[in-house]
Amino acid sequence: MLKIKDLRAKTDAELNDLVQELRKESLNLRFSQATGQLANTNRRRQVRREIAKIKTLQTERLAKKGV
């Protein structure tokens, strides 16, 4: 699970890369669950929430730049 403190230390480019990786993982988890191969179903929820944390942080940074 990603901590917001660790995310704040990353650059915008690193956050974008991380979101892309998490979206790929989410897609793979979705396919795994659809085929009945997913053992840890909670991981899908964790990935969704991690993406939301990063997106929220990116929105906060944009708001600060806009002011």
PDB file of N, CA and C in Angstrom:
ATOM      1  N   MET A   1       0.841  -1.169   0.000  1.00  0.00           N
ATOM      2  CA  MET A   1       0.000   0.000   0.000  1.00  0.00           C
ATOM      3  C   MET A   1       0.891   1.238   0.000  1.00  0.00           C
ATOM      4  N   LEU A   2       0.592   2.145  -0.873  1.00  0.00           N
ATOM      5  CA  LEU A   2       1.386   3.365  -0.996  1.00  0.00           C
ATOM      6  C   LEU A   2       0.983   4.374   0.080  1.00  0.00           C
ATOM      7  N   LYS A   3       1.962   5.029   0.629  1.00  0.00           N
ATOM      8  CA  LYS A   3       1.719   6.070   1.623  1.00  0.00           C
ATOM      9  C   LYS A   3       1.737   7.423   0.923  1.00  0.00           C
ATOM     10  N   ILE A   4       0.872   8.330   1.339  1.00  0.00           N
ATOM     11  CA  ILE A   4       0.787   9.644   0.714  1.00  0.00           C
ATOM     12  C   ILE A   4       2.088  10.410   0.918  1.00  0.00           C
ATOM     13  N   LYS A   5       2.761  10.159   2.025  1.00  0.00           N
ATOM     14  CA  LYS A   5       4.047  10.817   2.304  1.00  0.00           C
ATOM     15  C   LYS A   5       5.080  10.445   1.236  1.00  0.00           C
ATOM     16  N   ASP A   6       5.103   9.168   0.866  1.00  0.00           N
ATOM     17  CA  ASP A   6       6.031   8.708  -0.161  1.00  0.00           C
ATOM     18  C   ASP A   6       5.665   9.270  -1.532  1.00  0.00           C
ATOM     19  N   LEU A   7       4.372   9.381  -1.792  1.00  0.00           N
ATOM     20  CA  LEU A   7       3.916   9.907  -3.078  1.00  0.00           C
ATOM     21  C   LEU A   7       4.268  11.381  -3.239  1.00  0.00           C
ATOM     22  N   ARG A   8       4.173  12.130  -2.152  1.00  0.00           N
ATOM     23  CA  ARG A   8       4.483  13.563  -2.222  1.00  0.00           C
ATOM     24  C   ARG A   8       5.956  13.807  -2.571  1.00  0.00           C
ATOM     25  N   ALA A   9       6.806  12.862  -2.268  1.00  0.00           N
ATOM     26  CA  ALA A   9       8.240  13.012  -2.547  1.00  0.00           C
ATOM     27  C   ALA A   9       8.562  12.756  -4.023  1.00  0.00           C
ATOM     28  N   LYS A  10       7.625  12.176  -4.767  1.00  0.00           N
ATOM     29  CA  LYS A  10       7.869  11.847  -6.170  1.00  0.00           C
ATOM     30  C   LYS A  10       7.568  13.039  -7.073  1.00  0.00           C
ATOM     31  N   THR A  11       8.217  13.045  -8.234  1.00  0.00           N
ATOM     32  CA  THR A  11       7.980  14.103  -9.210  1.00  0.00           C
ATOM     33  C   THR A  11       6.709  13.797  -9.994  1.00  0.00           C
ATOM     34  N   ASP A  12       6.259  14.785 -10.770  1.00  0.00           N
ATOM     35  CA  ASP A  12       5.053  14.601 -11.576  1.00  0.00           C
ATOM     36  C   ASP A  12       5.225  13.479 -12.592  1.00  0.00           C
ATOM     37  N   ALA A  13       6.394  13.392 -13.206  1.00  0.00           N
ATOM     38  CA  ALA A  13       6.649  12.346 -14.189  1.00  0.00           C
ATOM     39  C   ALA A  13       6.618  10.956 -13.543  1.00  0.00           C
ATOM     40  N   GLU A  14       7.184  10.846 -12.362  1.00  0.00           N
ATOM     41  CA  GLU A  14       7.170   9.565 -11.656  1.00  0.00           C
ATOM     42  C   GLU A  14       5.748   9.156 -11.292  1.00  0.00           C
ATOM     43  N   LEU A  15       4.938  10.131 -10.899  1.00  0.00           N
ATOM     44  CA  LEU A  15       3.544   9.835 -10.561  1.00  0.00           C
ATOM     45  C   LEU A  15       2.769   9.373 -11.793  1.00  0.00           C
ATOM     46  N   ASN A  16       3.014  10.019 -12.934  1.00  0.00           N
ATOM     47  CA  ASN A  16       2.347   9.607 -14.165  1.00  0.00           C
ATOM     48  C   ASN A  16       2.730   8.174 -14.539  1.00  0.00           C
ATOM     49  N   ASP A  17       4.004   7.845 -14.402  1.00  0.00           N
ATOM     50  CA  ASP A  17       4.461   6.487 -14.696  1.00  0.00           C
ATOM     51  C   ASP A  17       3.805   5.477 -13.753  1.00  0.00           C
ATOM     52  N   LEU A  18       3.706   5.856 -12.493  1.00  0.00           N
ATOM     53  CA  LEU A  18       3.107   4.967 -11.502  1.00  0.00           C
ATOM     54  C   LEU A  18       1.626   4.724 -11.800  1.00  0.00           C
ATOM     55  N   VAL A  19       0.916   5.761 -12.221  1.00  0.00           N
ATOM     56  CA  VAL A  19      -0.497   5.607 -12.573  1.00  0.00           C
ATOM     57  C   VAL A  19      -0.632   4.658 -13.759  1.00  0.00           C
ATOM     58  N   GLN A  20       0.225   4.794 -14.742  1.00  0.00           N
ATOM     59  CA  GLN A  20       0.171   3.900 -15.898  1.00  0.00           C
ATOM     60  C   GLN A  20       0.403   2.450 -15.486  1.00  0.00           C
ATOM     61  N   GLU A  21       1.389   2.226 -14.622  1.00  0.00           N
ATOM     62  CA  GLU A  21       1.672   0.871 -14.148  1.00  0.00           C
ATOM     63  C   GLU A  21       0.480   0.301 -13.386  1.00  0.00           C
ATOM     64  N   LEU A  22      -0.120   1.123 -12.529  1.00  0.00           N
ATOM     65  CA  LEU A  22      -1.253   0.658 -11.741  1.00  0.00           C
ATOM     66  C   LEU A  22      -2.465   0.369 -12.618  1.00  0.00           C
ATOM     67  N   ARG A  23      -2.661   1.151 -13.663  1.00  0.00           N
ATOM     68  CA  ARG A  23      -3.776   0.887 -14.576  1.00  0.00           C
ATOM     69  C   ARG A  23      -3.574  -0.427 -15.323  1.00  0.00           C
ATOM     70  N   LYS A  24      -2.332  -0.710 -15.709  1.00  0.00           N
ATOM     71  CA  LYS A  24      -2.039  -1.987 -16.358  1.00  0.00           C
ATOM     72  C   LYS A  24      -2.304  -3.146 -15.394  1.00  0.00           C
ATOM     73  N   GLU A  25      -1.869  -2.961 -14.148  1.00  0.00           N
ATOM     74  CA  GLU A  25      -2.102  -4.000 -13.142  1.00  0.00           C
ATOM     75  C   GLU A  25      -3.600  -4.202 -12.920  1.00  0.00           C
ATOM     76  N   SER A  26      -4.333  -3.115 -12.888  1.00  0.00           N
ATOM     77  CA  SER A  26      -5.779  -3.198 -12.710  1.00  0.00           C
ATOM     78  C   SER A  26      -6.429  -3.986 -13.838  1.00  0.00           C
ATOM     79  N   LEU A  27      -5.995  -3.724 -15.058  1.00  0.00           N
ATOM     80  CA  LEU A  27      -6.525  -4.455 -16.210  1.00  0.00           C
ATOM     81  C   LEU A  27      -6.224  -5.948 -16.093  1.00  0.00           C
ATOM     82  N   ASN A  28      -4.987  -6.262 -15.732  1.00  0.00           N
ATOM     83  CA  ASN A  28      -4.608  -7.666 -15.573  1.00  0.00           C
ATOM     84  C   ASN A  28      -5.392  -8.349 -14.452  1.00  0.00           C
ATOM     85  N   LEU A  29      -5.624  -7.617 -13.367  1.00  0.00           N
ATOM     86  CA  LEU A  29      -6.397  -8.173 -12.261  1.00  0.00           C
ATOM     87  C   LEU A  29      -7.845  -8.427 -12.674  1.00  0.00           C
ATOM     88  N   ARG A  30      -8.381  -7.524 -13.480  1.00  0.00           N
ATOM     89  CA  ARG A  30      -9.752  -7.692 -13.969  1.00  0.00           C
ATOM     90  C   ARG A  30      -9.881  -8.954 -14.811  1.00  0.00           C
ATOM     91  N   PHE A  31      -8.916  -9.153 -15.708  1.00  0.00           N
ATOM     92  CA  PHE A  31      -8.943 -10.352 -16.542  1.00  0.00           C
ATOM     93  C   PHE A  31      -8.756 -11.610 -15.701  1.00  0.00           C
ATOM     94  N   SER A  32      -7.871 -11.541 -14.721  1.00  0.00           N
ATOM     95  CA  SER A  32      -7.645 -12.696 -13.854  1.00  0.00           C
ATOM     96  C   SER A  32      -8.909 -13.061 -13.083  1.00  0.00           C
ATOM     97  N   GLN A  33      -9.616 -12.053 -12.613  1.00  0.00           N
ATOM     98  CA  GLN A  33     -10.839 -12.322 -11.869  1.00  0.00           C
ATOM     99  C   GLN A  33     -11.925 -12.892 -12.788  1.00  0.00           C
ATOM    100  N   ALA A  34     -11.995 -12.392 -14.000  1.00  0.00           N
ATOM    101  CA  ALA A  34     -13.002 -12.863 -14.946  1.00  0.00           C
ATOM    102  C   ALA A  34     -12.773 -14.332 -15.319  1.00  0.00           C
ATOM    103  N   THR A  35     -11.515 -14.749 -15.345  1.00  0.00           N
ATOM    104  CA  THR A  35     -11.211 -16.133 -15.691  1.00  0.00           C
ATOM    105  C   THR A  35     -11.147 -17.033 -14.458  1.00  0.00           C
ATOM    106  N   GLY A  36     -11.357 -16.454 -13.279  1.00  0.00           N
ATOM    107  CA  GLY A  36     -11.382 -17.245 -12.055  1.00  0.00           C
ATOM    108  C   GLY A  36     -10.014 -17.575 -11.500  1.00  0.00           C
ATOM    109  N   GLN A  37      -8.985 -16.878 -11.926  1.00  0.00           N
ATOM    110  CA  GLN A  37      -7.629 -17.168 -11.481  1.00  0.00           C
ATOM    111  C   GLN A  37      -7.140 -16.230 -10.383  1.00  0.00           C
ATOM    112  N   LEU A  38      -7.939 -15.237 -10.030  1.00  0.00           N
ATOM    113  CA  LEU A  38      -7.502 -14.244  -9.043  1.00  0.00           C
ATOM    114  C   LEU A  38      -7.711 -14.772  -7.630  1.00  0.00           C
ATOM    115  N   ALA A  39      -6.616 -14.895  -6.879  1.00  0.00           N
ATOM    116  CA  ALA A  39      -6.698 -15.410  -5.515  1.00  0.00           C
ATOM    117  C   ALA A  39      -6.981 -14.287  -4.515  1.00  0.00           C
ATOM    118  N   ASN A  40      -6.328 -13.137  -4.701  1.00  0.00           N
ATOM    119  CA  ASN A  40      -6.470 -12.025  -3.767  1.00  0.00           C
ATOM    120  C   ASN A  40      -7.375 -10.960  -4.399  1.00  0.00           C
ATOM    121  N   THR A  41      -8.665 -11.054  -4.156  1.00  0.00           N
ATOM    122  CA  THR A  41      -9.608 -10.127  -4.781  1.00  0.00           C
ATOM    123  C   THR A  41      -9.506  -8.724  -4.186  1.00  0.00           C
ATOM    124  N   ASN A  42      -8.966  -8.616  -3.003  1.00  0.00           N
ATOM    125  CA  ASN A  42      -8.825  -7.307  -2.368  1.00  0.00           C
ATOM    126  C   ASN A  42      -7.800  -6.430  -3.088  1.00  0.00           C
ATOM    127  N   ARG A  43      -6.905  -7.027  -3.843  1.00  0.00           N
ATOM    128  CA  ARG A  43      -5.864  -6.261  -4.541  1.00  0.00           C
ATOM    129  C   ARG A  43      -6.472  -5.289  -5.548  1.00  0.00           C
ATOM    130  N   ARG A  44      -7.586  -5.670  -6.184  1.00  0.00           N
ATOM    131  CA  ARG A  44      -8.251  -4.764  -7.134  1.00  0.00           C
ATOM    132  C   ARG A  44      -8.672  -3.476  -6.433  1.00  0.00           C
ATOM    133  N   ARG A  45      -9.191  -3.610  -5.235  1.00  0.00           N
ATOM    134  CA  ARG A  45      -9.621  -2.446  -4.457  1.00  0.00           C
ATOM    135  C   ARG A  45      -8.424  -1.580  -4.063  1.00  0.00           C
ATOM    136  N   GLN A  46      -7.340  -2.222  -3.665  1.00  0.00           N
ATOM    137  CA  GLN A  46      -6.131  -1.490  -3.281  1.00  0.00           C
ATOM    138  C   GLN A  46      -5.587  -0.687  -4.459  1.00  0.00           C
ATOM    139  N   VAL A  47      -5.551  -1.300  -5.628  1.00  0.00           N
ATOM    140  CA  VAL A  47      -5.018  -0.628  -6.817  1.00  0.00           C
ATOM    141  C   VAL A  47      -5.891   0.575  -7.166  1.00  0.00           C
ATOM    142  N   ARG A  48      -7.204   0.403  -7.124  1.00  0.00           N
ATOM    143  CA  ARG A  48      -8.118   1.516  -7.406  1.00  0.00           C
ATOM    144  C   ARG A  48      -7.892   2.685  -6.453  1.00  0.00           C
ATOM    145  N   ARG A  49      -7.704   2.365  -5.197  1.00  0.00           N
ATOM    146  CA  ARG A  49      -7.493   3.424  -4.192  1.00  0.00           C
ATOM    147  C   ARG A  49      -6.134   4.097  -4.343  1.00  0.00           C
ATOM    148  N   GLU A  50      -5.127   3.339  -4.732  1.00  0.00           N
ATOM    149  CA  GLU A  50      -3.804   3.932  -4.958  1.00  0.00           C
ATOM    150  C   GLU A  50      -3.854   4.901  -6.137  1.00  0.00           C
ATOM    151  N   ILE A  51      -4.564   4.522  -7.185  1.00  0.00           N
ATOM    152  CA  ILE A  51      -4.725   5.427  -8.327  1.00  0.00           C
ATOM    153  C   ILE A  51      -5.440   6.697  -7.879  1.00  0.00           C
ATOM    154  N   ALA A  52      -6.458   6.553  -7.054  1.00  0.00           N
ATOM    155  CA  ALA A  52      -7.210   7.716  -6.570  1.00  0.00           C
ATOM    156  C   ALA A  52      -6.323   8.638  -5.735  1.00  0.00           C
ATOM    157  N   LYS A  53      -5.458   8.063  -4.918  1.00  0.00           N
ATOM    158  CA  LYS A  53      -4.534   8.877  -4.110  1.00  0.00           C
ATOM    159  C   LYS A  53      -3.625   9.711  -5.010  1.00  0.00           C
ATOM    160  N   ILE A  54      -3.084   9.068  -6.030  1.00  0.00           N
ATOM    161  CA  ILE A  54      -2.163   9.757  -6.930  1.00  0.00           C
ATOM    162  C   ILE A  54      -2.890  10.853  -7.690  1.00  0.00           C
ATOM    163  N   LYS A  55      -4.090  10.551  -8.183  1.00  0.00           N
ATOM    164  CA  LYS A  55      -4.865  11.541  -8.932  1.00  0.00           C
ATOM    165  C   LYS A  55      -5.217  12.737  -8.044  1.00  0.00           C
ATOM    166  N   THR A  56      -5.545  12.481  -6.796  1.00  0.00           N
ATOM    167  CA  THR A  56      -5.853  13.558  -5.861  1.00  0.00           C
ATOM    168  C   THR A  56      -4.628  14.438  -5.634  1.00  0.00           C
ATOM    169  N   LEU A  57      -3.481  13.816  -5.466  1.00  0.00           N
ATOM    170  CA  LEU A  57      -2.240  14.559  -5.274  1.00  0.00           C
ATOM    171  C   LEU A  57      -1.919  15.402  -6.507  1.00  0.00           C
ATOM    172  N   GLN A  58      -2.123  14.843  -7.703  1.00  0.00           N
ATOM    173  CA  GLN A  58      -1.875  15.594  -8.932  1.00  0.00           C
ATOM    174  C   GLN A  58      -2.815  16.796  -9.037  1.00  0.00           C
ATOM    175  N   THR A  59      -4.063  16.629  -8.626  1.00  0.00           N
ATOM    176  CA  THR A  59      -5.020  17.733  -8.657  1.00  0.00           C
ATOM    177  C   THR A  59      -4.614  18.825  -7.672  1.00  0.00           C
ATOM    178  N   GLU A  60      -4.130  18.433  -6.505  1.00  0.00           N
ATOM    179  CA  GLU A  60      -3.664  19.406  -5.518  1.00  0.00           C
ATOM    180  C   GLU A  60      -2.488  20.209  -6.063  1.00  0.00           C
ATOM    181  N   ARG A  61      -1.573  19.525  -6.737  1.00  0.00           N
ATOM    182  CA  ARG A  61      -0.411  20.207  -7.298  1.00  0.00           C
ATOM    183  C   ARG A  61      -0.829  21.187  -8.391  1.00  0.00           C
ATOM    184  N   LEU A  62      -1.782  20.801  -9.222  1.00  0.00           N
ATOM    185  CA  LEU A  62      -2.277  21.693 -10.267  1.00  0.00           C
ATOM    186  C   LEU A  62      -2.951  22.922  -9.656  1.00  0.00           C
ATOM    187  N   ALA A  63      -3.688  22.731  -8.588  1.00  0.00           N
ATOM    188  CA  ALA A  63      -4.364  23.850  -7.942  1.00  0.00           C
ATOM    189  C   ALA A  63      -3.345  24.833  -7.358  1.00  0.00           C
ATOM    190  N   LYS A  64      -2.259  24.318  -6.792  1.00  0.00           N
ATOM    191  CA  LYS A  64      -1.212  25.189  -6.244  1.00  0.00           C
ATOM    192  C   LYS A  64      -0.515  25.982  -7.340  1.00  0.00           C
ATOM    193  N   LYS A  65      -0.290  25.336  -8.482  1.00  0.00           N
ATOM    194  CA  LYS A  65       0.367  26.023  -9.594  1.00  0.00           C
ATOM    195  C   LYS A  65      -0.537  27.091 -10.180  1.00  0.00           C
ATOM    196  N   GLY A  66      -1.824  26.854 -10.155  1.00  0.00           N
ATOM    197  CA  GLY A  66      -2.780  27.796 -10.738  1.00  0.00           C
ATOM    198  C   GLY A  66      -2.978  29.044  -9.911  1.00  0.00           C
ATOM    199  N   VAL A  67      -2.649  28.986  -8.625  1.00  0.00           N
ATOM    200  CA  VAL A  67      -2.876  30.125  -7.730  1.00  0.00           C
ATOM    201  C   VAL A  67      -1.823  31.159  -7.869  1.00  0.00           C
TER     202      VAL A  67
END
